[in-house]
PDB file of N, CA and C in Angstrom:
ATOM      1  N   MET A   1     -37.412 -24.654 -28.863  1.00  0.00           N
ATOM      2  CA  MET A   1     -36.030 -25.464 -28.941  1.00  0.00           C
ATOM      3  C   MET A   1     -34.970 -24.237 -29.204  1.00  0.00           C
ATOM      4  N   LEU A   2     -33.904 -24.361 -28.649  1.00  0.00           N
ATOM      5  CA  LEU A   2     -32.565 -23.412 -29.201  1.00  0.00           C
ATOM      6  C   LEU A   2     -31.973 -24.024 -30.555  1.00  0.00           C
ATOM      7  N   GLN A   3     -31.495 -22.880 -31.066  1.00  0.00           N
ATOM      8  CA  GLN A   3     -30.776 -23.648 -32.296  1.00  0.00           C
ATOM      9  C   GLN A   3     -29.075 -23.146 -31.992  1.00  0.00           C
ATOM     10  N   SER A   4     -28.541 -24.229 -32.353  1.00  0.00           N
ATOM     11  CA  SER A   4     -27.189 -24.191 -31.989  1.00  0.00           C
ATOM     12  C   SER A   4     -26.239 -23.481 -33.296  1.00  0.00           C
ATOM     13  N   ILE A   5     -25.543 -22.616 -32.705  1.00  0.00           N
ATOM     14  CA  ILE A   5     -24.705 -21.651 -33.751  1.00  0.00           C
ATOM     15  C   ILE A   5     -23.581 -22.441 -33.947  1.00  0.00           C
ATOM     16  N   GLU A   6     -22.826 -22.607 -35.135  1.00  0.00           N
ATOM     17  CA  GLU A   6     -21.780 -23.542 -35.378  1.00  0.00           C
ATOM     18  C   GLU A   6     -20.646 -22.697 -35.738  1.00  0.00           C
ATOM     19  N   ASN A   7     -19.340 -23.107 -35.347  1.00  0.00           N
ATOM     20  CA  ASN A   7     -18.182 -22.279 -35.734  1.00  0.00           C
ATOM     21  C   ASN A   7     -18.546 -20.748 -35.774  1.00  0.00           C
ATOM     22  N   PRO A   8     -18.675 -20.077 -34.274  1.00  0.00           N
ATOM     23  CA  PRO A   8     -18.653 -18.766 -34.411  1.00  0.00           C
ATOM     24  C   PRO A   8     -17.102 -18.338 -34.302  1.00  0.00           C
ATOM     25  N   ALA A   9     -16.981 -16.792 -34.728  1.00  0.00           N
ATOM     26  CA  ALA A   9     -15.716 -16.579 -34.729  1.00  0.00           C
ATOM     27  C   ALA A   9     -15.368 -16.164 -33.171  1.00  0.00           C
ATOM     28  N   ASP A  10     -14.026 -15.963 -32.943  1.00  0.00           N
ATOM     29  CA  ASP A  10     -13.817 -15.410 -31.562  1.00  0.00           C
ATOM     30  C   ASP A  10     -14.100 -14.696 -30.770  1.00  0.00           C
ATOM     31  N   CYS A  11     -13.971 -13.355 -31.908  1.00  0.00           N
ATOM     32  CA  CYS A  11     -14.733 -12.278 -31.290  1.00  0.00           C
ATOM     33  C   CYS A  11     -15.849 -12.053 -31.307  1.00  0.00           C
ATOM     34  N   GLU A  12     -16.705 -12.983 -31.898  1.00  0.00           N
ATOM     35  CA  GLU A  12     -18.283 -13.029 -31.377  1.00  0.00           C
ATOM     36  C   GLU A  12     -18.642 -13.780 -30.191  1.00  0.00           C
ATOM     37  N   ILE A  13     -17.885 -14.787 -29.599  1.00  0.00           N
ATOM     38  CA  ILE A  13     -17.801 -15.350 -28.312  1.00  0.00           C
ATOM     39  C   ILE A  13     -17.356 -14.130 -26.951  1.00  0.00           C
ATOM     40  N   ARG A  14     -16.369 -13.423 -27.514  1.00  0.00           N
ATOM     41  CA  ARG A  14     -16.089 -12.154 -26.457  1.00  0.00           C
ATOM     42  C   ARG A  14     -16.971 -11.088 -26.366  1.00  0.00           C
ATOM     43  N   SER A  15     -17.395 -11.084 -27.639  1.00  0.00           N
ATOM     44  CA  SER A  15     -18.680  -9.944 -27.597  1.00  0.00           C
ATOM     45  C   SER A  15     -19.937 -10.582 -26.571  1.00  0.00           C
ATOM     46  N   VAL A  16     -20.163 -11.746 -26.585  1.00  0.00           N
ATOM     47  CA  VAL A  16     -21.401 -12.301 -25.816  1.00  0.00           C
ATOM     48  C   VAL A  16     -20.937 -12.162 -24.439  1.00  0.00           C
ATOM     49  N   ILE A  17     -19.591 -12.466 -24.172  1.00  0.00           N
ATOM     50  CA  ILE A  17     -19.111 -12.343 -22.634  1.00  0.00           C
ATOM     51  C   ILE A  17     -19.281 -11.133 -22.375  1.00  0.00           C
ATOM     52  N   ARG A  18     -18.664  -9.892 -22.925  1.00  0.00           N
ATOM     53  CA  ARG A  18     -18.634  -8.607 -22.868  1.00  0.00           C
ATOM     54  C   ARG A  18     -20.071  -8.101 -22.449  1.00  0.00           C
ATOM     55  N   PHE A  19     -20.929  -8.838 -23.361  1.00  0.00           N
ATOM     56  CA  PHE A  19     -22.625  -8.262 -23.201  1.00  0.00           C
ATOM     57  C   PHE A  19     -23.066  -8.730 -22.018  1.00  0.00           C
ATOM     58  N   PHE A  20     -23.004 -10.105 -21.557  1.00  0.00           N
ATOM     59  CA  PHE A  20     -23.328 -10.325 -20.270  1.00  0.00           C
ATOM     60  C   PHE A  20     -22.748  -9.984 -19.201  1.00  0.00           C
ATOM     61  N   ASN A  21     -21.228  -9.481 -19.392  1.00  0.00           N
ATOM     62  CA  ASN A  21     -20.537  -9.084 -18.261  1.00  0.00           C
ATOM     63  C   ASN A  21     -21.149  -7.387 -17.802  1.00  0.00           C
ATOM     64  N   ALA A  22     -21.833  -7.067 -18.839  1.00  0.00           N
ATOM     65  CA  ALA A  22     -22.068  -5.437 -18.588  1.00  0.00           C
ATOM     66  C   ALA A  22     -23.649  -5.487 -18.146  1.00  0.00           C
ATOM     67  N   LYS A  23     -24.423  -6.891 -17.970  1.00  0.00           N
ATOM     68  CA  LYS A  23     -25.624  -7.195 -17.207  1.00  0.00           C
ATOM     69  C   LYS A  23     -25.382  -7.424 -15.883  1.00  0.00           C
ATOM     70  N   ASP A  24     -23.894  -7.707 -15.509  1.00  0.00           N
ATOM     71  CA  ASP A  24     -23.527  -8.233 -14.060  1.00  0.00           C
ATOM     72  C   ASP A  24     -23.876  -9.692 -13.927  1.00  0.00           C
ATOM     73  N   VAL A  25     -23.639 -10.400 -15.049  1.00  0.00           N
ATOM     74  CA  VAL A  25     -24.034 -11.798 -15.028  1.00  0.00           C
ATOM     75  C   VAL A  25     -22.719 -12.649 -14.711  1.00  0.00           C
ATOM     76  N   LYS A  26     -22.821 -13.483 -13.727  1.00  0.00           N
ATOM     77  CA  LYS A  26     -21.628 -14.232 -13.108  1.00  0.00           C
ATOM     78  C   LYS A  26     -21.202 -14.952 -14.155  1.00  0.00           C
ATOM     79  N   ALA A  27     -19.690 -15.088 -14.311  1.00  0.00           N
ATOM     80  CA  ALA A  27     -18.877 -15.750 -15.175  1.00  0.00           C
ATOM     81  C   ALA A  27     -19.554 -17.010 -15.398  1.00  0.00           C
ATOM     82  N   ALA A  28     -19.693 -17.915 -14.281  1.00  0.00           N
ATOM     83  CA  ALA A  28     -20.364 -19.356 -14.460  1.00  0.00           C
ATOM     84  C   ALA A  28     -21.360 -19.282 -15.408  1.00  0.00           C
ATOM     85  N   GLU A  29     -22.420 -18.190 -14.902  1.00  0.00           N
ATOM     86  CA  GLU A  29     -23.776 -18.092 -15.806  1.00  0.00           C
ATOM     87  C   GLU A  29     -23.426 -17.879 -17.253  1.00  0.00           C
ATOM     88  N   ILE A  30     -22.522 -16.907 -17.492  1.00  0.00           N
ATOM     89  CA  ILE A  30     -22.170 -17.035 -18.722  1.00  0.00           C
ATOM     90  C   ILE A  30     -21.753 -17.873 -19.708  1.00  0.00           C
ATOM     91  N   HIS A  31     -20.819 -19.076 -18.747  1.00  0.00           N
ATOM     92  CA  HIS A  31     -20.278 -20.146 -19.891  1.00  0.00           C
ATOM     93  C   HIS A  31     -21.374 -21.109 -19.699  1.00  0.00           C
ATOM     94  N   ARG A  32     -22.283 -21.061 -19.114  1.00  0.00           N
ATOM     95  CA  ARG A  32     -23.371 -21.892 -19.166  1.00  0.00           C
ATOM     96  C   ARG A  32     -24.189 -21.750 -20.356  1.00  0.00           C
ATOM     97  N   GLN A  33     -24.584 -20.369 -20.355  1.00  0.00           N
ATOM     98  CA  GLN A  33     -25.162 -19.846 -21.503  1.00  0.00           C
ATOM     99  C   GLN A  33     -24.521 -20.044 -23.011  1.00  0.00           C
ATOM    100  N   ILE A  34     -23.549 -19.789 -22.860  1.00  0.00           N
ATOM    101  CA  ILE A  34     -22.758 -19.700 -24.108  1.00  0.00           C
ATOM    102  C   ILE A  34     -22.540 -21.158 -24.530  1.00  0.00           C
ATOM    103  N   THR A  35     -22.364 -22.044 -23.641  1.00  0.00           N
ATOM    104  CA  THR A  35     -22.356 -23.643 -24.076  1.00  0.00           C
ATOM    105  C   THR A  35     -23.754 -24.013 -24.424  1.00  0.00           C
ATOM    106  N   GLU A  36     -24.746 -23.702 -23.878  1.00  0.00           N
ATOM    107  CA  GLU A  36     -26.071 -23.764 -24.552  1.00  0.00           C
ATOM    108  C   GLU A  36     -26.436 -23.502 -26.009  1.00  0.00           C
ATOM    109  N   VAL A  37     -25.929 -22.328 -26.005  1.00  0.00           N
ATOM    110  CA  VAL A  37     -26.451 -21.855 -27.364  1.00  0.00           C
ATOM    111  C   VAL A  37     -25.288 -22.304 -28.630  1.00  0.00           C
ATOM    112  N   TYR A  38     -23.956 -22.205 -28.073  1.00  0.00           N
ATOM    113  CA  TYR A  38     -23.010 -22.602 -29.263  1.00  0.00           C
ATOM    114  C   TYR A  38     -22.452 -24.122 -28.848  1.00  0.00           C
ATOM    115  N   GLU A  39     -21.438 -24.603 -29.592  1.00  0.00           N
ATOM    116  CA  GLU A  39     -21.129 -25.749 -29.284  1.00  0.00           C
ATOM    117  C   GLU A  39     -20.618 -26.181 -27.755  1.00  0.00           C
ATOM    118  N   LYS A  40     -20.628 -27.003 -27.554  1.00  0.00           N
ATOM    119  CA  LYS A  40     -20.337 -27.765 -26.225  1.00  0.00           C
ATOM    120  C   LYS A  40     -19.093 -27.277 -25.542  1.00  0.00           C
ATOM    121  N   ASN A  41     -18.026 -27.552 -26.287  1.00  0.00           N
ATOM    122  CA  ASN A  41     -16.561 -27.120 -25.639  1.00  0.00           C
ATOM    123  C   ASN A  41     -16.018 -26.048 -26.618  1.00  0.00           C
ATOM    124  N   ILE A  42     -16.822 -24.986 -26.855  1.00  0.00           N
ATOM    125  CA  ILE A  42     -16.607 -23.723 -27.447  1.00  0.00           C
ATOM    126  C   ILE A  42     -15.711 -22.498 -26.539  1.00  0.00           C
ATOM    127  N   VAL A  43     -15.768 -22.602 -25.294  1.00  0.00           N
ATOM    128  CA  VAL A  43     -14.811 -21.953 -24.594  1.00  0.00           C
ATOM    129  C   VAL A  43     -15.055 -22.573 -23.184  1.00  0.00           C
ATOM    130  N   SER A  44     -13.547 -22.399 -22.541  1.00  0.00           N
ATOM    131  CA  SER A  44     -13.737 -22.878 -21.338  1.00  0.00           C
ATOM    132  C   SER A  44     -13.900 -21.823 -20.110  1.00  0.00           C
ATOM    133  N   GLU A  45     -14.578 -22.350 -18.979  1.00  0.00           N
ATOM    134  CA  GLU A  45     -15.189 -21.342 -18.052  1.00  0.00           C
ATOM    135  C   GLU A  45     -14.116 -20.503 -17.533  1.00  0.00           C
ATOM    136  N   GLY A  46     -12.454 -21.305 -17.471  1.00  0.00           N
ATOM    137  CA  GLY A  46     -11.576 -20.249 -17.136  1.00  0.00           C
ATOM    138  C   GLY A  46     -11.160 -19.033 -18.343  1.00  0.00           C
ATOM    139  N   MET A  47     -11.316 -19.529 -19.456  1.00  0.00           N
ATOM    140  CA  MET A  47     -11.404 -18.204 -20.473  1.00  0.00           C
ATOM    141  C   MET A  47     -12.490 -17.395 -20.374  1.00  0.00           C
ATOM    142  N   VAL A  48     -13.577 -17.833 -19.914  1.00  0.00           N
ATOM    143  CA  VAL A  48     -14.655 -16.676 -19.604  1.00  0.00           C
ATOM    144  C   VAL A  48     -14.328 -16.130 -18.499  1.00  0.00           C
ATOM    145  N   ARG A  49     -13.781 -16.533 -17.441  1.00  0.00           N
ATOM    146  CA  ARG A  49     -13.592 -15.741 -16.277  1.00  0.00           C
ATOM    147  C   ARG A  49     -12.222 -14.739 -16.404  1.00  0.00           C
ATOM    148  N   LYS A  50     -11.545 -14.966 -17.604  1.00  0.00           N
ATOM    149  CA  LYS A  50     -10.153 -14.388 -17.879  1.00  0.00           C
ATOM    150  C   LYS A  50     -10.641 -13.036 -18.514  1.00  0.00           C
ATOM    151  N   TRP A  51     -11.475 -13.287 -19.643  1.00  0.00           N
ATOM    152  CA  TRP A  51     -12.229 -12.070 -20.369  1.00  0.00           C
ATOM    153  C   TRP A  51     -13.276 -11.164 -19.545  1.00  0.00           C
ATOM    154  N   VAL A  52     -14.128 -12.015 -18.560  1.00  0.00           N
ATOM    155  CA  VAL A  52     -14.831 -11.049 -17.731  1.00  0.00           C
ATOM    156  C   VAL A  52     -13.698  -9.835 -16.758  1.00  0.00           C
ATOM    157  N   ARG A  53     -12.595 -10.703 -16.193  1.00  0.00           N
ATOM    158  CA  ARG A  53     -11.739  -9.701 -15.548  1.00  0.00           C
ATOM    159  C   ARG A  53     -11.236  -8.744 -16.433  1.00  0.00           C
ATOM    160  N   ALA A  54     -11.133  -9.050 -17.546  1.00  0.00           N
ATOM    161  CA  ALA A  54     -10.370  -7.887 -18.553  1.00  0.00           C
ATOM    162  C   ALA A  54     -11.399  -6.894 -18.751  1.00  0.00           C
ATOM    163  N   PHE A  55     -12.776  -7.219 -18.862  1.00  0.00           N
ATOM    164  CA  PHE A  55     -13.797  -6.353 -19.205  1.00  0.00           C
ATOM    165  C   PHE A  55     -13.949  -5.096 -17.880  1.00  0.00           C
ATOM    166  N   LYS A  56     -13.886  -5.953 -16.821  1.00  0.00           N
ATOM    167  CA  LYS A  56     -14.239  -5.259 -15.612  1.00  0.00           C
ATOM    168  C   LYS A  56     -12.857  -4.481 -15.230  1.00  0.00           C
ATOM    169  N   ASP A  57     -11.664  -4.566 -15.805  1.00  0.00           N
ATOM    170  CA  ASP A  57     -10.468  -4.073 -15.744  1.00  0.00           C
ATOM    171  C   ASP A  57     -10.374  -2.591 -16.237  1.00  0.00           C
ATOM    172  N   GLY A  58     -11.452  -2.693 -17.708  1.00  0.00           N
ATOM    173  CA  GLY A  58     -11.530  -1.642 -18.323  1.00  0.00           C
ATOM    174  C   GLY A  58     -11.062  -1.593 -19.562  1.00  0.00           C
ATOM    175  N   ARG A  59     -11.074  -2.932 -19.970  1.00  0.00           N
ATOM    176  CA  ARG A  59     -10.757  -3.380 -21.544  1.00  0.00           C
ATOM    177  C   ARG A  59     -12.315  -3.026 -22.485  1.00  0.00           C
ATOM    178  N   ALA A  60     -11.952  -2.549 -23.586  1.00  0.00           N
ATOM    179  CA  ALA A  60     -13.034  -1.952 -24.242  1.00  0.00           C
ATOM    180  C   ALA A  60     -13.495  -2.794 -25.532  1.00  0.00           C
ATOM    181  N   LYS A  61     -12.362  -3.493 -26.069  1.00  0.00           N
ATOM    182  CA  LYS A  61     -12.397  -4.115 -27.428  1.00  0.00           C
ATOM    183  C   LYS A  61     -12.393  -5.703 -27.279  1.00  0.00           C
ATOM    184  N   CYS A  62     -13.199  -6.435 -27.817  1.00  0.00           N
ATOM    185  CA  CYS A  62     -13.057  -7.554 -28.055  1.00  0.00           C
ATOM    186  C   CYS A  62     -12.287  -8.352 -29.026  1.00  0.00           C
ATOM    187  N   VAL A  63     -11.577  -7.518 -29.727  1.00  0.00           N
ATOM    188  CA  VAL A  63     -11.034  -8.008 -30.817  1.00  0.00           C
ATOM    189  C   VAL A  63      -9.605  -7.965 -30.042  1.00  0.00           C
ATOM    190  N   MET A  64      -8.695  -9.163 -30.246  1.00  0.00           N
ATOM    191  CA  MET A  64      -7.310  -9.149 -30.265  1.00  0.00           C
ATOM    192  C   MET A  64      -6.326  -8.629 -31.221  1.00  0.00           C
ATOM    193  N   LYS A  65      -4.952  -8.057 -30.487  1.00  0.00           N
ATOM    194  CA  LYS A  65      -4.165  -7.197 -31.836  1.00  0.00           C
ATOM    195  C   LYS A  65      -4.178  -8.372 -33.078  1.00  0.00           C
ATOM    196  N   LYS A  66      -4.193  -9.643 -32.925  1.00  0.00           N
ATOM    197  CA  LYS A  66      -3.634 -10.491 -33.957  1.00  0.00           C
ATOM    198  C   LYS A  66      -4.668 -10.221 -35.042  1.00  0.00           C
ATOM    199  N   GLU A  67      -6.026 -10.000 -34.530  1.00  0.00           N
ATOM    200  CA  GLU A  67      -7.252 -10.279 -35.387  1.00  0.00           C
ATOM    201  C   GLU A  67      -7.874  -8.854 -36.022  1.00  0.00           C
ATOM    202  N   ALA A  68      -7.181  -7.725 -35.543  1.00  0.00           N
ATOM    203  CA  ALA A  68      -7.437  -6.110 -35.522  1.00  0.00           C
ATOM    204  C   ALA A  68      -7.216  -6.025 -36.893  1.00  0.00           C
ATOM    205  N   GLY A  69      -6.085  -6.162 -37.477  1.00  0.00           N
ATOM    206  CA  GLY A  69      -5.790  -6.078 -39.300  1.00  0.00           C
ATOM    207  C   GLY A  69      -6.103  -6.853 -39.966  1.00  0.00           C
ATOM    208  N   ASP A  70      -6.114  -6.728 -41.067  1.00  0.00           N
ATOM    209  CA  ASP A  70      -6.762  -7.590 -42.178  1.00  0.00           C
ATOM    210  C   ASP A  70      -5.455  -8.377 -42.542  1.00  0.00           C
ATOM    211  N   LEU A  71      -5.796  -9.339 -43.403  1.00  0.00           N
ATOM    212  CA  LEU A  71      -5.050 -10.820 -43.626  1.00  0.00           C
ATOM    213  C   LEU A  71      -3.796 -10.159 -44.210  1.00  0.00           C
ATOM    214  N   LEU A  72      -3.793  -9.151 -45.173  1.00  0.00           N
ATOM    215  CA  LEU A  72      -3.061  -8.892 -45.811  1.00  0.00           C
ATOM    216  C   LEU A  72      -1.656  -8.196 -45.263  1.00  0.00           C
ATOM    217  N   SER A  73      -2.583  -7.317 -44.347  1.00  0.00           N
ATOM    218  CA  SER A  73      -1.356  -6.780 -43.362  1.00  0.00           C
ATOM    219  C   SER A  73      -0.595  -7.555 -42.455  1.00  0.00           C
ATOM    220  N   LEU A  74      -1.315  -8.381 -42.083  1.00  0.00           N
ATOM    221  CA  LEU A  74      -0.735  -9.440 -41.021  1.00  0.00           C
ATOM    222  C   LEU A  74       0.171 -10.375 -41.875  1.00  0.00           C
ATOM    223  N   LEU A  75       0.113 -10.692 -43.170  1.00  0.00           N
ATOM    224  CA  LEU A  75       1.024 -11.307 -43.791  1.00  0.00           C
ATOM    225  C   LEU A  75       2.306 -10.340 -44.143  1.00  0.00           C
ATOM    226  N   LYS A  76       2.162  -9.418 -44.321  1.00  0.00           N
ATOM    227  CA  LYS A  76       2.990  -8.337 -44.666  1.00  0.00           C
ATOM    228  C   LYS A  76       4.172  -7.912 -43.377  1.00  0.00           C
ATOM    229  N   THR A  77       3.496  -8.103 -42.489  1.00  0.00           N
ATOM    230  CA  THR A  77       4.128  -7.504 -41.044  1.00  0.00           C
ATOM    231  C   THR A  77       4.904  -9.207 -40.755  1.00  0.00           C
ATOM    232  N   TRP A  78       4.035 -10.270 -40.832  1.00  0.00           N
ATOM    233  CA  TRP A  78       4.998 -11.631 -40.436  1.00  0.00           C
ATOM    234  C   TRP A  78       6.101 -11.842 -41.478  1.00  0.00           C
ATOM    235  N   TYR A  79       5.712 -11.675 -42.858  1.00  0.00           N
ATOM    236  CA  TYR A  79       6.959 -11.507 -43.900  1.00  0.00           C
ATOM    237  C   TYR A  79       7.959 -10.333 -43.776  1.00  0.00           C
ATOM    238  N   ARG A  80       8.009  -9.679 -43.182  1.00  0.00           N
ATOM    239  CA  ARG A  80       8.854  -8.304 -42.684  1.00  0.00           C
ATOM    240  C   ARG A  80       9.942  -8.730 -41.619  1.00  0.00           C
ATOM    241  N   LYS A  81       9.164  -9.652 -40.652  1.00  0.00           N
ATOM    242  CA  LYS A  81       9.894  -9.763 -39.534  1.00  0.00           C
ATOM    243  C   LYS A  81      11.049 -11.144 -39.831  1.00  0.00           C
ATOM    244  N   LEU A  82      10.193 -11.717 -40.800  1.00  0.00           N
ATOM    245  CA  LEU A  82      11.083 -13.089 -41.175  1.00  0.00           C
ATOM    246  C   LEU A  82      12.437 -12.813 -42.340  1.00  0.00           C
ATOM    247  N   MET A  83      12.064 -11.653 -42.860  1.00  0.00           N
ATOM    248  CA  MET A  83      13.249 -11.044 -43.624  1.00  0.00           C
ATOM    249  C   MET A  83      14.299 -10.782 -42.976  1.00  0.00           C
ATOM    250  N   GLN A  84      13.775  -9.783 -41.842  1.00  0.00           N
ATOM    251  CA  GLN A  84      14.610  -9.360 -40.604  1.00  0.00           C
ATOM    252  C   GLN A  84      15.855 -10.328 -40.295  1.00  0.00           C
ATOM    253  N   LYS A  85      14.992 -11.266 -39.361  1.00  0.00           N
ATOM    254  CA  LYS A  85      15.323 -12.409 -38.925  1.00  0.00           C
ATOM    255  C   LYS A  85      16.587 -12.975 -39.732  1.00  0.00           C
ATOM    256  N   PHE A  86      16.112 -13.424 -41.300  1.00  0.00           N
ATOM    257  CA  PHE A  86      17.030 -13.901 -42.162  1.00  0.00           C
ATOM    258  C   PHE A  86      18.188 -13.016 -42.398  1.00  0.00           C
ATOM    259  N   GLU A  87      18.091 -11.761 -42.426  1.00  0.00           N
ATOM    260  CA  GLU A  87      18.977 -10.978 -42.909  1.00  0.00           C
ATOM    261  C   GLU A  87      20.128 -10.996 -41.288  1.00  0.00           C
ATOM    262  N   ARG A  88      19.629 -11.103 -40.473  1.00  0.00           N
ATOM    263  CA  ARG A  88      20.507 -10.834 -39.301  1.00  0.00           C
ATOM    264  C   ARG A  88      21.573 -12.137 -39.264  1.00  0.00           C
ATOM    265  N   THR A  89      20.447 -13.593 -39.774  1.00  0.00           N
ATOM    266  CA  THR A  89      21.059 -14.769 -39.748  1.00  0.00           C
ATOM    267  C   THR A  89      22.238 -14.840 -40.536  1.00  0.00           C
ATOM    268  N   GLU A  90      22.140 -14.181 -41.826  1.00  0.00           N
ATOM    269  CA  GLU A  90      23.222 -14.162 -43.058  1.00  0.00           C
ATOM    270  C   GLU A  90      23.876 -13.579 -42.421  1.00  0.00           C
ATOM    271  N   ALA A  91      23.885 -12.000 -41.944  1.00  0.00           N
ATOM    272  CA  ALA A  91      25.175 -11.130 -41.697  1.00  0.00           C
ATOM    273  C   ALA A  91      25.846 -11.837 -40.318  1.00  0.00           C
ATOM    274  N   LEU A  92      25.610 -12.692 -39.516  1.00  0.00           N
ATOM    275  CA  LEU A  92      25.971 -13.338 -38.625  1.00  0.00           C
ATOM    276  C   LEU A  92      26.820 -14.385 -39.197  1.00  0.00           C
ATOM    277  N   ARG A  93      26.283 -15.285 -40.101  1.00  0.00           N
ATOM    278  CA  ARG A  93      26.720 -16.010 -40.770  1.00  0.00           C
ATOM    279  C   ARG A  93      28.051 -15.628 -41.847  1.00  0.00           C
ATOM    280  N   PHE A  94      27.906 -14.716 -42.235  1.00  0.00           N
ATOM    281  CA  PHE A  94      29.049 -14.132 -42.729  1.00  0.00           C
ATOM    282  C   PHE A  94      29.871 -13.555 -42.126  1.00  0.00           C
ATOM    283  N   HIS A  95      29.778 -12.780 -41.017  1.00  0.00           N
ATOM    284  CA  HIS A  95      30.762 -12.237 -39.890  1.00  0.00           C
ATOM    285  C   HIS A  95      31.480 -13.335 -39.379  1.00  0.00           C
ATOM    286  N   LEU A  96      30.738 -14.486 -38.945  1.00  0.00           N
ATOM    287  CA  LEU A  96      31.791 -15.463 -38.678  1.00  0.00           C
ATOM    288  C   LEU A  96      32.514 -16.315 -39.351  1.00  0.00           C
ATOM    289  N   TYR A  97      32.114 -16.344 -40.902  1.00  0.00           N
ATOM    290  CA  TYR A  97      33.009 -16.997 -41.875  1.00  0.00           C
ATOM    291  C   TYR A  97      34.288 -16.202 -41.812  1.00  0.00           C
ATOM    292  N   ARG A  98      33.895 -14.981 -41.876  1.00  0.00           N
ATOM    293  CA  ARG A  98      34.846 -13.915 -42.121  1.00  0.00           C
ATOM    294  C   ARG A  98      35.957 -13.838 -41.113  1.00  0.00           C
ATOM    295  N   LEU A  99      35.657 -13.951 -39.627  1.00  0.00           N
ATOM    296  CA  LEU A  99      36.474 -14.290 -38.474  1.00  0.00           C
ATOM    297  C   LEU A  99      36.862 -15.423 -38.686  1.00  0.00           C
ATOM    298  N   SER A 100      36.350 -16.278 -39.174  1.00  0.00           N
ATOM    299  CA  SER A 100      37.263 -17.762 -39.150  1.00  0.00           C
ATOM    300  C   SER A 100      38.172 -17.711 -40.197  1.00  0.00           C
ATOM    301  N   PHE A 101      38.035 -16.955 -41.475  1.00  0.00           N
ATOM    302  CA  PHE A 101      38.990 -17.072 -42.403  1.00  0.00           C
ATOM    303  C   PHE A 101      39.948 -16.228 -41.930  1.00  0.00           C
ATOM    304  N   PHE A 102      39.646 -14.978 -41.644  1.00  0.00           N
ATOM    305  CA  PHE A 102      40.826 -14.047 -41.196  1.00  0.00           C
ATOM    306  C   PHE A 102      41.617 -14.581 -40.214  1.00  0.00           C
ATOM    307  N   GLY A 103      41.069 -15.228 -39.315  1.00  0.00           N
ATOM    308  CA  GLY A 103      41.620 -15.943 -37.843  1.00  0.00           C
ATOM    309  C   GLY A 103      42.575 -17.180 -38.609  1.00  0.00           C
ATOM    310  N   PHE A 104      42.229 -17.798 -39.618  1.00  0.00           N
ATOM    311  CA  PHE A 104      43.008 -18.791 -40.193  1.00  0.00           C
ATOM    312  C   PHE A 104      44.391 -18.135 -41.010  1.00  0.00           C
ATOM    313  N   GLN A 105      44.008 -17.013 -41.583  1.00  0.00           N
ATOM    314  CA  GLN A 105      44.917 -16.278 -42.364  1.00  0.00           C
ATOM    315  C   GLN A 105      46.016 -15.848 -41.787  1.00  0.00           C
ATOM    316  N   GLU A 106      45.389 -15.198 -40.273  1.00  0.00           N
ATOM    317  CA  GLU A 106      46.473 -14.747 -39.483  1.00  0.00           C
ATOM    318  C   GLU A 106      47.569 -15.614 -38.702  1.00  0.00           C
ATOM    319  N   VAL A 107      46.908 -16.841 -38.455  1.00  0.00           N
ATOM    320  CA  VAL A 107      47.727 -18.068 -38.109  1.00  0.00           C
ATOM    321  C   VAL A 107      48.624 -18.544 -38.860  1.00  0.00           C
ATOM    322  N   PHE A 108      48.414 -18.581 -40.136  1.00  0.00           N
ATOM    323  CA  PHE A 108      49.279 -18.878 -41.055  1.00  0.00           C
ATOM    324  C   PHE A 108      50.492 -18.189 -41.381  1.00  0.00           C
ATOM    325  N   LEU A 109      49.958 -16.644 -41.299  1.00  0.00           N
ATOM    326  CA  LEU A 109      50.927 -15.476 -41.656  1.00  0.00           C
ATOM    327  C   LEU A 109      51.962 -15.392 -40.540  1.00  0.00           C
ATOM    328  N   MET A 110      51.756 -15.947 -38.981  1.00  0.00           N
ATOM    329  CA  MET A 110      52.269 -15.904 -38.202  1.00  0.00           C
ATOM    330  C   MET A 110      53.349 -17.058 -38.041  1.00  0.00           C
ATOM    331  N   GLU A 111      52.761 -18.164 -38.664  1.00  0.00           N
ATOM    332  CA  GLU A 111      53.803 -19.284 -39.038  1.00  0.00           C
ATOM    333  C   GLU A 111      54.874 -19.084 -39.910  1.00  0.00           C
ATOM    334  N   LEU A 112      54.219 -18.282 -41.000  1.00  0.00           N
ATOM    335  CA  LEU A 112      55.360 -18.083 -42.143  1.00  0.00           C
ATOM    336  C   LEU A 112      56.440 -16.910 -41.530  1.00  0.00           C
ATOM    337  N   CYS A 113      56.176 -16.124 -40.724  1.00  0.00           N
ATOM    338  CA  CYS A 113      57.014 -15.109 -40.355  1.00  0.00           C
ATOM    339  C   CYS A 113      57.720 -15.730 -39.436  1.00  0.00           C
ATOM    340  N   ASP A 114      57.196 -16.837 -38.485  1.00  0.00           N
ATOM    341  CA  ASP A 114      58.142 -17.676 -37.623  1.00  0.00           C
ATOM    342  C   ASP A 114      59.198 -17.976 -37.975  1.00  0.00           C
ATOM    343  N   ARG A 115      58.857 -19.086 -39.355  1.00  0.00           N
ATOM    344  CA  ARG A 115      59.668 -19.648 -40.081  1.00  0.00           C
ATOM    345  C   ARG A 115      60.915 -18.888 -40.949  1.00  0.00           C
ATOM    346  N   ALA A 116      60.161 -17.612 -41.310  1.00  0.00           N
ATOM    347  CA  ALA A 116      61.151 -16.740 -42.213  1.00  0.00           C
ATOM    348  C   ALA A 116      62.371 -16.093 -41.198  1.00  0.00           C
ATOM    349  N   LEU A 117      61.927 -15.929 -40.086  1.00  0.00           N
ATOM    350  CA  LEU A 117      62.791 -15.240 -39.079  1.00  0.00           C
ATOM    351  C   LEU A 117      63.459 -16.429 -38.252  1.00  0.00           C
ATOM    352  N   ASN A 118      63.156 -17.649 -38.501  1.00  0.00           N
ATOM    353  CA  ASN A 118      63.992 -18.724 -37.979  1.00  0.00           C
ATOM    354  C   ASN A 118      63.317 -18.577 -36.255  1.00  0.00           C
ATOM    355  N   LEU A 119      62.376 -18.120 -35.867  1.00  0.00           N
ATOM    356  CA  LEU A 119      61.717 -17.885 -34.489  1.00  0.00           C
ATOM    357  C   LEU A 119      61.254 -19.363 -33.560  1.00  0.00           C
ATOM    358  N   SER A 120      61.054 -20.117 -34.422  1.00  0.00           N
ATOM    359  CA  SER A 120      60.633 -21.216 -34.062  1.00  0.00           C
ATOM    360  C   SER A 120      61.421 -22.559 -34.257  1.00  0.00           C
TER     361      SER A 120
END
């Protein structure tokens, strides 16, 4: 009797797909064997086909880019991107505020000049 493996990592499933693909097993059969050993809905047949195509096209790694680094480096990257976006937003907000303030000042000064020179 087969023992079911619970909560496998995504890279583990992709490694199994890569292994069977190297043995020229069809995607449907790979999917059947994965669902037999792992949980029933662990991966769709379409996703198995996608990974089989990727490996046939020359992909050598089973790990996605997001999973490649450790958690700390991912958090640092996310934090850096978030702070860059925040800085751009704050700079834009300040720029718009400055434009609206100086725009108001310009209109006010033009009205004062018009009144002083009795142009209006």
